Amino acid sequence: MAKKTIMLVCSAGMSTSLLVTKMQKAAEEKGVEADIFAVSASDADNNLEAKDVDVLLLGPQVRFMKAQFEQKLAPKGIPLDVINMQDYGMMNGEKVLAQAEKLIDNK
């Protein structure tokens, strides 16, 4: 399977970086090749232009931006969702990775 590029967007990119580490660990354990990274909401557009993103996940703190991102991502066919607040709070990398994979598989 090809390498998956998973972009997480949050308000500052700080708390989400811990989740990225946990997701990378979960991906390694599953043998999934993934480029997982977190950016701040203000940096998201630059990263969407620079990278070939397979899926975009929004942190619960920026869920209000979902409609805005849907408009940007629809022409590119990039799936988008808000990370489950409980999984985010628990920093459950395995579940968030599974959420991203499901979105990629369904596109």
PDB file of N, CA and C in Angstrom:
ATOM      1  N   MET A   1       0.843  -1.190   0.000  1.00  0.00           N
ATOM      2  CA  MET A   1       0.000   0.000   0.000  1.00  0.00           C
ATOM      3  C   MET A   1       0.885   1.248   0.000  1.00  0.00           C
ATOM      4  N   ALA A   2       0.467   2.242  -0.711  1.00  0.00           N
ATOM      5  CA  ALA A   2       1.238   3.481  -0.824  1.00  0.00           C
ATOM      6  C   ALA A   2       1.256   4.224   0.509  1.00  0.00           C
ATOM      7  N   LYS A   3       2.261   5.036   0.654  1.00  0.00           N
ATOM      8  CA  LYS A   3       2.389   5.844   1.864  1.00  0.00           C
ATOM      9  C   LYS A   3       1.234   6.833   1.945  1.00  0.00           C
ATOM     10  N   LYS A   4       0.663   6.960   3.133  1.00  0.00           N
ATOM     11  CA  LYS A   4      -0.473   7.865   3.345  1.00  0.00           C
ATOM     12  C   LYS A   4       0.026   9.158   3.986  1.00  0.00           C
ATOM     13  N   THR A   5      -0.508  10.270   3.513  1.00  0.00           N
ATOM     14  CA  THR A   5      -0.161  11.555   4.106  1.00  0.00           C
ATOM     15  C   THR A   5      -1.363  12.065   4.886  1.00  0.00           C
ATOM     16  N   ILE A   6      -1.181  12.170   6.195  1.00  0.00           N
ATOM     17  CA  ILE A   6      -2.271  12.559   7.097  1.00  0.00           C
ATOM     18  C   ILE A   6      -1.904  13.884   7.751  1.00  0.00           C
ATOM     19  N   MET A   7      -2.747  14.886   7.519  1.00  0.00           N
ATOM     20  CA  MET A   7      -2.489  16.206   8.082  1.00  0.00           C
ATOM     21  C   MET A   7      -3.493  16.500   9.187  1.00  0.00           C
ATOM     22  N   LEU A   8      -2.972  16.886  10.345  1.00  0.00           N
ATOM     23  CA  LEU A   8      -3.825  17.281  11.462  1.00  0.00           C
ATOM     24  C   LEU A   8      -3.733  18.797  11.592  1.00  0.00           C
ATOM     25  N   VAL A   9      -4.871  19.421  11.813  1.00  0.00           N
ATOM     26  CA  VAL A   9      -4.900  20.878  11.960  1.00  0.00           C
ATOM     27  C   VAL A   9      -5.475  21.223  13.327  1.00  0.00           C
ATOM     28  N   CYS A  10      -4.753  22.067  14.060  1.00  0.00           N
ATOM     29  CA  CYS A  10      -5.294  22.550  15.335  1.00  0.00           C
ATOM     30  C   CYS A  10      -4.989  24.030  15.460  1.00  0.00           C
ATOM     31  N   SER A  11      -5.332  24.631  16.574  1.00  0.00           N
ATOM     32  CA  SER A  11      -5.169  26.078  16.663  1.00  0.00           C
ATOM     33  C   SER A  11      -3.703  26.497  16.632  1.00  0.00           C
ATOM     34  N   ALA A  12      -2.825  25.807  17.370  1.00  0.00           N
ATOM     35  CA  ALA A  12      -1.420  26.224  17.374  1.00  0.00           C
ATOM     36  C   ALA A  12      -0.466  25.142  16.878  1.00  0.00           C
ATOM     37  N   GLY A  13      -0.938  23.892  16.819  1.00  0.00           N
ATOM     38  CA  GLY A  13      -0.063  22.814  16.371  1.00  0.00           C
ATOM     39  C   GLY A  13       0.726  22.178  17.510  1.00  0.00           C
ATOM     40  N   MET A  14       0.499  22.630  18.734  1.00  0.00           N
ATOM     41  CA  MET A  14       1.272  22.131  19.874  1.00  0.00           C
ATOM     42  C   MET A  14       0.726  20.817  20.430  1.00  0.00           C
ATOM     43  N   SER A  15      -0.488  20.848  20.961  1.00  0.00           N
ATOM     44  CA  SER A  15      -1.039  19.638  21.578  1.00  0.00           C
ATOM     45  C   SER A  15      -1.165  18.514  20.554  1.00  0.00           C
ATOM     46  N   THR A  16      -1.415  18.873  19.333  1.00  0.00           N
ATOM     47  CA  THR A  16      -1.598  17.868  18.296  1.00  0.00           C
ATOM     48  C   THR A  16      -0.290  17.159  17.963  1.00  0.00           C
ATOM     49  N   SER A  17       0.849  17.799  18.221  1.00  0.00           N
ATOM     50  CA  SER A  17       2.117  17.145  17.906  1.00  0.00           C
ATOM     51  C   SER A  17       2.321  15.892  18.763  1.00  0.00           C
ATOM     52  N   LEU A  18       1.797  15.881  19.978  1.00  0.00           N
ATOM     53  CA  LEU A  18       1.863  14.681  20.818  1.00  0.00           C
ATOM     54  C   LEU A  18       1.011  13.572  20.199  1.00  0.00           C
ATOM     55  N   LEU A  19      -0.150  13.951  19.688  1.00  0.00           N
ATOM     56  CA  LEU A  19      -1.025  12.977  19.033  1.00  0.00           C
ATOM     57  C   LEU A  19      -0.345  12.411  17.782  1.00  0.00           C
ATOM     58  N   VAL A  20       0.364  13.244  17.042  1.00  0.00           N
ATOM     59  CA  VAL A  20       1.096  12.797  15.848  1.00  0.00           C
ATOM     60  C   VAL A  20       2.082  11.694  16.231  1.00  0.00           C
ATOM     61  N   THR A  21       2.834  11.911  17.316  1.00  0.00           N
ATOM     62  CA  THR A  21       3.809  10.922  17.776  1.00  0.00           C
ATOM     63  C   THR A  21       3.119   9.590  18.073  1.00  0.00           C
ATOM     64  N   LYS A  22       1.981   9.659  18.741  1.00  0.00           N
ATOM     65  CA  LYS A  22       1.245   8.428  19.086  1.00  0.00           C
ATOM     66  C   LYS A  22       0.676   7.758  17.828  1.00  0.00           C
ATOM     67  N   MET A  23       0.233   8.555  16.873  1.00  0.00           N
ATOM     68  CA  MET A  23      -0.283   7.988  15.622  1.00  0.00           C
ATOM     69  C   MET A  23       0.838   7.320  14.822  1.00  0.00           C
ATOM     70  N   GLN A  24       2.029   7.940  14.824  1.00  0.00           N
ATOM     71  CA  GLN A  24       3.164   7.362  14.103  1.00  0.00           C
ATOM     72  C   GLN A  24       3.550   6.019  14.715  1.00  0.00           C
ATOM     73  N   LYS A  25       3.511   5.942  16.029  1.00  0.00           N
ATOM     74  CA  LYS A  25       3.831   4.701  16.727  1.00  0.00           C
ATOM     75  C   LYS A  25       2.804   3.629  16.359  1.00  0.00           C
ATOM     76  N   ALA A  26       1.526   4.006  16.348  1.00  0.00           N
ATOM     77  CA  ALA A  26       0.465   3.061  15.999  1.00  0.00           C
ATOM     78  C   ALA A  26       0.625   2.588  14.551  1.00  0.00           C
ATOM     79  N   ALA A  27       0.996   3.505  13.658  1.00  0.00           N
ATOM     80  CA  ALA A  27       1.192   3.156  12.247  1.00  0.00           C
ATOM     81  C   ALA A  27       2.353   2.166  12.099  1.00  0.00           C
ATOM     82  N   GLU A  28       3.446   2.419  12.816  1.00  0.00           N
ATOM     83  CA  GLU A  28       4.602   1.513  12.774  1.00  0.00           C
ATOM     84  C   GLU A  28       4.208   0.114  13.235  1.00  0.00           C
ATOM     85  N   GLU A  29       3.460   0.053  14.331  1.00  0.00           N
ATOM     86  CA  GLU A  29       3.037  -1.241  14.875  1.00  0.00           C
ATOM     87  C   GLU A  29       2.159  -2.004  13.900  1.00  0.00           C
ATOM     88  N   LYS A  30       1.383  -1.273  13.108  1.00  0.00           N
ATOM     89  CA  LYS A  30       0.493  -1.910  12.124  1.00  0.00           C
ATOM     90  C   LYS A  30       1.189  -2.153  10.782  1.00  0.00           C
ATOM     91  N   GLY A  31       2.394  -1.630  10.653  1.00  0.00           N
ATOM     92  CA  GLY A  31       3.107  -1.765   9.388  1.00  0.00           C
ATOM     93  C   GLY A  31       2.555  -0.847   8.306  1.00  0.00           C
ATOM     94  N   VAL A  32       1.954   0.268   8.728  1.00  0.00           N
ATOM     95  CA  VAL A  32       1.386   1.238   7.794  1.00  0.00           C
ATOM     96  C   VAL A  32       2.420   2.339   7.545  1.00  0.00           C
ATOM     97  N   GLU A  33       2.682   2.602   6.280  1.00  0.00           N
ATOM     98  CA  GLU A  33       3.597   3.694   5.946  1.00  0.00           C
ATOM     99  C   GLU A  33       2.796   4.983   5.898  1.00  0.00           C
ATOM    100  N   ALA A  34       3.135   5.910   6.779  1.00  0.00           N
ATOM    101  CA  ALA A  34       2.360   7.149   6.826  1.00  0.00           C
ATOM    102  C   ALA A  34       3.245   8.340   7.160  1.00  0.00           C
ATOM    103  N   ASP A  35       2.947   9.442   6.510  1.00  0.00           N
ATOM    104  CA  ASP A  35       3.564  10.726   6.822  1.00  0.00           C
ATOM    105  C   ASP A  35       2.488  11.493   7.580  1.00  0.00           C
ATOM    106  N   ILE A  36       2.652  11.591   8.887  1.00  0.00           N
ATOM    107  CA  ILE A  36       1.642  12.219   9.740  1.00  0.00           C
ATOM    108  C   ILE A  36       2.263  13.485  10.322  1.00  0.00           C
ATOM    109  N   PHE A  37       1.580  14.598  10.144  1.00  0.00           N
ATOM    110  CA  PHE A  37       2.125  15.848  10.673  1.00  0.00           C
ATOM    111  C   PHE A  37       1.006  16.773  11.112  1.00  0.00           C
ATOM    112  N   ALA A  38       1.355  17.702  12.018  1.00  0.00           N
ATOM    113  CA  ALA A  38       0.378  18.654  12.545  1.00  0.00           C
ATOM    114  C   ALA A  38       0.798  20.066  12.177  1.00  0.00           C
ATOM    115  N   VAL A  39      -0.183  20.872  11.844  1.00  0.00           N
ATOM    116  CA  VAL A  39       0.069  22.279  11.533  1.00  0.00           C
ATOM    117  C   VAL A  39      -0.978  23.138  12.230  1.00  0.00           C
ATOM    118  N   SER A  40      -0.654  24.399  12.374  1.00  0.00           N
ATOM    119  CA  SER A  40      -1.637  25.329  12.922  1.00  0.00           C
ATOM    120  C   SER A  40      -2.636  25.660  11.816  1.00  0.00           C
ATOM    121  N   ALA A  41      -3.805  26.107  12.207  1.00  0.00           N
ATOM    122  CA  ALA A  41      -4.845  26.447  11.230  1.00  0.00           C
ATOM    123  C   ALA A  41      -4.350  27.502  10.247  1.00  0.00           C
ATOM    124  N   SER A  42      -3.538  28.430  10.726  1.00  0.00           N
ATOM    125  CA  SER A  42      -3.053  29.503   9.849  1.00  0.00           C
ATOM    126  C   SER A  42      -2.029  29.003   8.832  1.00  0.00           C
ATOM    127  N   ASP A  43      -1.420  27.852   9.109  1.00  0.00           N
ATOM    128  CA  ASP A  43      -0.409  27.274   8.223  1.00  0.00           C
ATOM    129  C   ASP A  43      -0.976  26.211   7.276  1.00  0.00           C
ATOM    130  N   ALA A  44      -2.234  25.857   7.470  1.00  0.00           N
ATOM    131  CA  ALA A  44      -2.834  24.733   6.736  1.00  0.00           C
ATOM    132  C   ALA A  44      -2.806  24.929   5.220  1.00  0.00           C
ATOM    133  N   ASP A  45      -3.161  26.114   4.740  1.00  0.00           N
ATOM    134  CA  ASP A  45      -3.211  26.356   3.295  1.00  0.00           C
ATOM    135  C   ASP A  45      -1.861  26.128   2.623  1.00  0.00           C
ATOM    136  N   ASN A  46      -0.789  26.623   3.244  1.00  0.00           N
ATOM    137  CA  ASN A  46       0.553  26.438   2.685  1.00  0.00           C
ATOM    138  C   ASN A  46       0.902  24.967   2.569  1.00  0.00           C
ATOM    139  N   ASN A  47       0.552  24.200   3.601  1.00  0.00           N
ATOM    140  CA  ASN A  47       0.854  22.772   3.596  1.00  0.00           C
ATOM    141  C   ASN A  47       0.015  22.012   2.575  1.00  0.00           C
ATOM    142  N   LEU A  48      -1.216  22.449   2.369  1.00  0.00           N
ATOM    143  CA  LEU A  48      -2.069  21.794   1.369  1.00  0.00           C
ATOM    144  C   LEU A  48      -1.515  22.003  -0.039  1.00  0.00           C
ATOM    145  N   GLU A  49      -0.894  23.150  -0.253  1.00  0.00           N
ATOM    146  CA  GLU A  49      -0.298  23.419  -1.562  1.00  0.00           C
ATOM    147  C   GLU A  49       1.026  22.687  -1.735  1.00  0.00           C
ATOM    148  N   ALA A  50       1.781  22.576  -0.655  1.00  0.00           N
ATOM    149  CA  ALA A  50       3.127  21.993  -0.731  1.00  0.00           C
ATOM    150  C   ALA A  50       3.135  20.469  -0.721  1.00  0.00           C
ATOM    151  N   LYS A  51       2.139  19.864  -0.086  1.00  0.00           N
ATOM    152  CA  LYS A  51       2.138  18.405   0.060  1.00  0.00           C
ATOM    153  C   LYS A  51       0.923  17.782  -0.590  1.00  0.00           C
ATOM    154  N   ASP A  52       1.071  16.511  -0.937  1.00  0.00           N
ATOM    155  CA  ASP A  52      -0.022  15.744  -1.512  1.00  0.00           C
ATOM    156  C   ASP A  52      -0.732  15.042  -0.357  1.00  0.00           C
ATOM    157  N   VAL A  53      -1.700  15.715   0.242  1.00  0.00           N
ATOM    158  CA  VAL A  53      -2.368  15.235   1.448  1.00  0.00           C
ATOM    159  C   VAL A  53      -3.491  14.259   1.091  1.00  0.00           C
ATOM    160  N   ASP A  54      -3.538  13.121   1.796  1.00  0.00           N
ATOM    161  CA  ASP A  54      -4.584  12.116   1.553  1.00  0.00           C
ATOM    162  C   ASP A  54      -5.821  12.351   2.409  1.00  0.00           C
ATOM    163  N   VAL A  55      -5.614  12.885   3.602  1.00  0.00           N
ATOM    164  CA  VAL A  55      -6.739  13.126   4.506  1.00  0.00           C
ATOM    165  C   VAL A  55      -6.361  14.262   5.463  1.00  0.00           C
ATOM    166  N   LEU A  56      -7.370  15.040   5.861  1.00  0.00           N
ATOM    167  CA  LEU A  56      -7.146  16.132   6.791  1.00  0.00           C
ATOM    168  C   LEU A  56      -8.067  15.937   7.995  1.00  0.00           C
ATOM    169  N   LEU A  57      -7.485  15.965   9.169  1.00  0.00           N
ATOM    170  CA  LEU A  57      -8.271  15.843  10.397  1.00  0.00           C
ATOM    171  C   LEU A  57      -8.140  17.129  11.202  1.00  0.00           C
ATOM    172  N   LEU A  58      -9.271  17.636  11.645  1.00  0.00           N
ATOM    173  CA  LEU A  58      -9.285  18.868  12.447  1.00  0.00           C
ATOM    174  C   LEU A  58      -9.325  18.513  13.925  1.00  0.00           C
ATOM    175  N   GLY A  59      -8.520  19.213  14.718  1.00  0.00           N
ATOM    176  CA  GLY A  59      -8.596  19.047  16.159  1.00  0.00           C
ATOM    177  C   GLY A  59      -9.926  19.599  16.646  1.00  0.00           C
ATOM    178  N   PRO A  60     -10.448  19.048  17.751  1.00  0.00           N
ATOM    179  CA  PRO A  60     -11.760  19.501  18.251  1.00  0.00           C
ATOM    180  C   PRO A  60     -11.832  21.008  18.489  1.00  0.00           C
ATOM    181  N   GLN A  61     -10.693  21.635  18.828  1.00  0.00           N
ATOM    182  CA  GLN A  61     -10.697  23.072  19.122  1.00  0.00           C
ATOM    183  C   GLN A  61     -10.878  23.944  17.882  1.00  0.00           C
ATOM    184  N   VAL A  62     -10.741  23.358  16.681  1.00  0.00           N
ATOM    185  CA  VAL A  62     -10.963  24.137  15.457  1.00  0.00           C
ATOM    186  C   VAL A  62     -12.104  23.551  14.616  1.00  0.00           C
ATOM    187  N   ARG A  63     -12.984  22.793  15.245  1.00  0.00           N
ATOM    188  CA  ARG A  63     -14.114  22.178  14.518  1.00  0.00           C
ATOM    189  C   ARG A  63     -14.978  23.213  13.826  1.00  0.00           C
ATOM    190  N   PHE A  64     -14.986  24.442  14.360  1.00  0.00           N
ATOM    191  CA  PHE A  64     -15.784  25.521  13.755  1.00  0.00           C
ATOM    192  C   PHE A  64     -15.294  25.871  12.348  1.00  0.00           C
ATOM    193  N   MET A  65     -14.087  25.421  11.987  1.00  0.00           N
ATOM    194  CA  MET A  65     -13.531  25.727  10.666  1.00  0.00           C
ATOM    195  C   MET A  65     -13.861  24.650   9.632  1.00  0.00           C
ATOM    196  N   LYS A  66     -14.636  23.657  10.018  1.00  0.00           N
ATOM    197  CA  LYS A  66     -14.889  22.519   9.124  1.00  0.00           C
ATOM    198  C   LYS A  66     -15.479  22.947   7.777  1.00  0.00           C
ATOM    199  N   ALA A  67     -16.494  23.783   7.790  1.00  0.00           N
ATOM    200  CA  ALA A  67     -17.138  24.204   6.533  1.00  0.00           C
ATOM    201  C   ALA A  67     -16.149  24.932   5.629  1.00  0.00           C
ATOM    202  N   GLN A  68     -15.325  25.750   6.220  1.00  0.00           N
ATOM    203  CA  GLN A  68     -14.300  26.499   5.486  1.00  0.00           C
ATOM    204  C   GLN A  68     -13.326  25.530   4.794  1.00  0.00           C
ATOM    205  N   PHE A  69     -12.899  24.493   5.520  1.00  0.00           N
ATOM    206  CA  PHE A  69     -11.972  23.515   4.946  1.00  0.00           C
ATOM    207  C   PHE A  69     -12.668  22.638   3.901  1.00  0.00           C
ATOM    208  N   GLU A  70     -13.940  22.331   4.131  1.00  0.00           N
ATOM    209  CA  GLU A  70     -14.676  21.510   3.151  1.00  0.00           C
ATOM    210  C   GLU A  70     -14.672  22.190   1.789  1.00  0.00           C
ATOM    211  N   GLN A  71     -14.864  23.500   1.764  1.00  0.00           N
ATOM    212  CA  GLN A  71     -14.863  24.243   0.495  1.00  0.00           C
ATOM    213  C   GLN A  71     -13.505  24.160  -0.193  1.00  0.00           C
ATOM    214  N   LYS A  72     -12.426  24.239   0.582  1.00  0.00           N
ATOM    215  CA  LYS A  72     -11.070  24.186   0.020  1.00  0.00           C
ATOM    216  C   LYS A  72     -10.721  22.785  -0.477  1.00  0.00           C
ATOM    217  N   LEU A  73     -11.191  21.775   0.249  1.00  0.00           N
ATOM    218  CA  LEU A  73     -10.774  20.403  -0.034  1.00  0.00           C
ATOM    219  C   LEU A  73     -11.642  19.689  -1.055  1.00  0.00           C
ATOM    220  N   ALA A  74     -12.896  20.101  -1.198  1.00  0.00           N
ATOM    221  CA  ALA A  74     -13.818  19.422  -2.120  1.00  0.00           C
ATOM    222  C   ALA A  74     -13.259  19.320  -3.544  1.00  0.00           C
ATOM    223  N   PRO A  75     -12.733  20.418  -4.132  1.00  0.00           N
ATOM    224  CA  PRO A  75     -12.200  20.306  -5.497  1.00  0.00           C
ATOM    225  C   PRO A  75     -11.013  19.346  -5.604  1.00  0.00           C
ATOM    226  N   LYS A  76     -10.291  19.170  -4.497  1.00  0.00           N
ATOM    227  CA  LYS A  76      -9.110  18.299  -4.496  1.00  0.00           C
ATOM    228  C   LYS A  76      -9.476  16.847  -4.152  1.00  0.00           C
ATOM    229  N   GLY A  77     -10.712  16.633  -3.694  1.00  0.00           N
ATOM    230  CA  GLY A  77     -11.135  15.281  -3.327  1.00  0.00           C
ATOM    231  C   GLY A  77     -10.465  14.761  -2.066  1.00  0.00           C
ATOM    232  N   ILE A  78     -10.079  15.672  -1.181  1.00  0.00           N
ATOM    233  CA  ILE A  78      -9.425  15.265   0.073  1.00  0.00           C
ATOM    234  C   ILE A  78     -10.489  15.130   1.171  1.00  0.00           C
ATOM    235  N   PRO A  79     -10.608  13.923   1.766  1.00  0.00           N
ATOM    236  CA  PRO A  79     -11.594  13.762   2.838  1.00  0.00           C
ATOM    237  C   PRO A  79     -11.185  14.528   4.100  1.00  0.00           C
ATOM    238  N   LEU A  80     -12.187  14.907   4.875  1.00  0.00           N
ATOM    239  CA  LEU A  80     -11.985  15.749   6.058  1.00  0.00           C
ATOM    240  C   LEU A  80     -12.926  15.308   7.160  1.00  0.00           C
ATOM    241  N   ASP A  81     -12.445  15.362   8.388  1.00  0.00           N
ATOM    242  CA  ASP A  81     -13.311  15.084   9.527  1.00  0.00           C
ATOM    243  C   ASP A  81     -12.728  15.763  10.754  1.00  0.00           C
ATOM    244  N   VAL A  82     -13.539  15.845  11.817  1.00  0.00           N
ATOM    245  CA  VAL A  82     -13.076  16.381  13.088  1.00  0.00           C
ATOM    246  C   VAL A  82     -12.689  15.181  13.954  1.00  0.00           C
ATOM    247  N   ILE A  83     -11.539  15.280  14.596  1.00  0.00           N
ATOM    248  CA  ILE A  83     -11.087  14.193  15.474  1.00  0.00           C
ATOM    249  C   ILE A  83     -12.059  14.070  16.638  1.00  0.00           C
ATOM    250  N   ASN A  84     -12.433  12.845  16.947  1.00  0.00           N
ATOM    251  CA  ASN A  84     -13.317  12.558  18.076  1.00  0.00           C
ATOM    252  C   ASN A  84     -12.709  13.183  19.341  1.00  0.00           C
ATOM    253  N   MET A  85     -13.516  13.953  20.063  1.00  0.00           N
ATOM    254  CA  MET A  85     -13.003  14.700  21.205  1.00  0.00           C
ATOM    255  C   MET A  85     -12.429  13.775  22.283  1.00  0.00           C
ATOM    256  N   GLN A  86     -13.061  12.640  22.499  1.00  0.00           N
ATOM    257  CA  GLN A  86     -12.580  11.707  23.517  1.00  0.00           C
ATOM    258  C   GLN A  86     -11.234  11.104  23.101  1.00  0.00           C
ATOM    259  N   ASP A  87     -11.115  10.715  21.825  1.00  0.00           N
ATOM    260  CA  ASP A  87      -9.854  10.149  21.334  1.00  0.00           C
ATOM    261  C   ASP A  87      -8.747  11.196  21.397  1.00  0.00           C
ATOM    262  N   TYR A  88      -9.109  12.443  21.109  1.00  0.00           N
ATOM    263  CA  TYR A  88      -8.134  13.539  21.161  1.00  0.00           C
ATOM    264  C   TYR A  88      -7.687  13.761  22.601  1.00  0.00           C
ATOM    265  N   GLY A  89      -8.652  13.836  23.492  1.00  0.00           N
ATOM    266  CA  GLY A  89      -8.359  14.074  24.911  1.00  0.00           C
ATOM    267  C   GLY A  89      -7.494  12.975  25.511  1.00  0.00           C
ATOM    268  N   MET A  90      -7.727  11.741  25.074  1.00  0.00           N
ATOM    269  CA  MET A  90      -6.962  10.598  25.580  1.00  0.00           C
ATOM    270  C   MET A  90      -5.668  10.399  24.786  1.00  0.00           C
ATOM    271  N   MET A  91      -5.473  11.229  23.730  1.00  0.00           N
ATOM    272  CA  MET A  91      -4.310  11.088  22.847  1.00  0.00           C
ATOM    273  C   MET A  91      -4.225   9.649  22.321  1.00  0.00           C
ATOM    274  N   ASN A  92      -5.377   9.137  21.858  1.00  0.00           N
ATOM    275  CA  ASN A  92      -5.458   7.762  21.367  1.00  0.00           C
ATOM    276  C   ASN A  92      -5.038   7.718  19.895  1.00  0.00           C
ATOM    277  N   GLY A  93      -3.739   7.584  19.673  1.00  0.00           N
ATOM    278  CA  GLY A  93      -3.181   7.576  18.321  1.00  0.00           C
ATOM    279  C   GLY A  93      -3.742   6.472  17.448  1.00  0.00           C
ATOM    280  N   GLU A  94      -4.004   5.316  18.077  1.00  0.00           N
ATOM    281  CA  GLU A  94      -4.515   4.169  17.332  1.00  0.00           C
ATOM    282  C   GLU A  94      -5.892   4.457  16.724  1.00  0.00           C
ATOM    283  N   LYS A  95      -6.774   5.016  17.548  1.00  0.00           N
ATOM    284  CA  LYS A  95      -8.141   5.299  17.075  1.00  0.00           C
ATOM    285  C   LYS A  95      -8.166   6.420  16.043  1.00  0.00           C
ATOM    286  N   VAL A  96      -7.348   7.444  16.247  1.00  0.00           N
ATOM    287  CA  VAL A  96      -7.323   8.568  15.301  1.00  0.00           C
ATOM    288  C   VAL A  96      -6.723   8.104  13.970  1.00  0.00           C
ATOM    289  N   LEU A  97      -5.711   7.232  14.038  1.00  0.00           N
ATOM    290  CA  LEU A  97      -5.139   6.663  12.820  1.00  0.00           C
ATOM    291  C   LEU A  97      -6.205   5.848  12.080  1.00  0.00           C
ATOM    292  N   ALA A  98      -6.965   5.055  12.825  1.00  0.00           N
ATOM    293  CA  ALA A  98      -8.035   4.251  12.213  1.00  0.00           C
ATOM    294  C   ALA A  98      -9.079   5.159  11.557  1.00  0.00           C
ATOM    295  N   GLN A  99      -9.397   6.283  12.188  1.00  0.00           N
ATOM    296  CA  GLN A  99     -10.350   7.245  11.630  1.00  0.00           C
ATOM    297  C   GLN A  99      -9.814   7.782  10.305  1.00  0.00           C
ATOM    298  N   ALA A 100      -8.531   8.127  10.275  1.00  0.00           N
ATOM    299  CA  ALA A 100      -7.917   8.659   9.049  1.00  0.00           C
ATOM    300  C   ALA A 100      -7.918   7.612   7.948  1.00  0.00           C
ATOM    301  N   GLU A 101      -7.571   6.367   8.284  1.00  0.00           N
ATOM    302  CA  GLU A 101      -7.521   5.287   7.291  1.00  0.00           C
ATOM    303  C   GLU A 101      -8.893   5.025   6.693  1.00  0.00           C
ATOM    304  N   LYS A 102      -9.906   5.065   7.553  1.00  0.00           N
ATOM    305  CA  LYS A 102     -11.277   4.826   7.080  1.00  0.00           C
ATOM    306  C   LYS A 102     -11.687   5.892   6.065  1.00  0.00           C
ATOM    307  N   LEU A 103     -11.341   7.148   6.351  1.00  0.00           N
ATOM    308  CA  LEU A 103     -11.663   8.249   5.439  1.00  0.00           C
ATOM    309  C   LEU A 103     -10.946   8.074   4.099  1.00  0.00           C
ATOM    310  N   ILE A 104      -9.680   7.652   4.145  1.00  0.00           N
ATOM    311  CA  ILE A 104      -8.912   7.450   2.917  1.00  0.00           C
ATOM    312  C   ILE A 104      -9.529   6.311   2.097  1.00  0.00           C
ATOM    313  N   ASP A 105      -9.890   5.228   2.793  1.00  0.00           N
ATOM    314  CA  ASP A 105     -10.457   4.063   2.107  1.00  0.00           C
ATOM    315  C   ASP A 105     -11.809   4.363   1.470  1.00  0.00           C
ATOM    316  N   ASN A 106     -12.550   5.305   2.042  1.00  0.00           N
ATOM    317  CA  ASN A 106     -13.892   5.611   1.550  1.00  0.00           C
ATOM    318  C   ASN A 106     -13.927   6.702   0.483  1.00  0.00           C
ATOM    319  N   LYS A 107     -12.770   7.271   0.163  1.00  0.00           N
ATOM    320  CA  LYS A 107     -12.814   8.400  -0.791  1.00  0.00           C
ATOM    321  C   LYS A 107     -12.898   7.915  -2.233  1.00  0.00           C
TER     322      LYS A 107
END
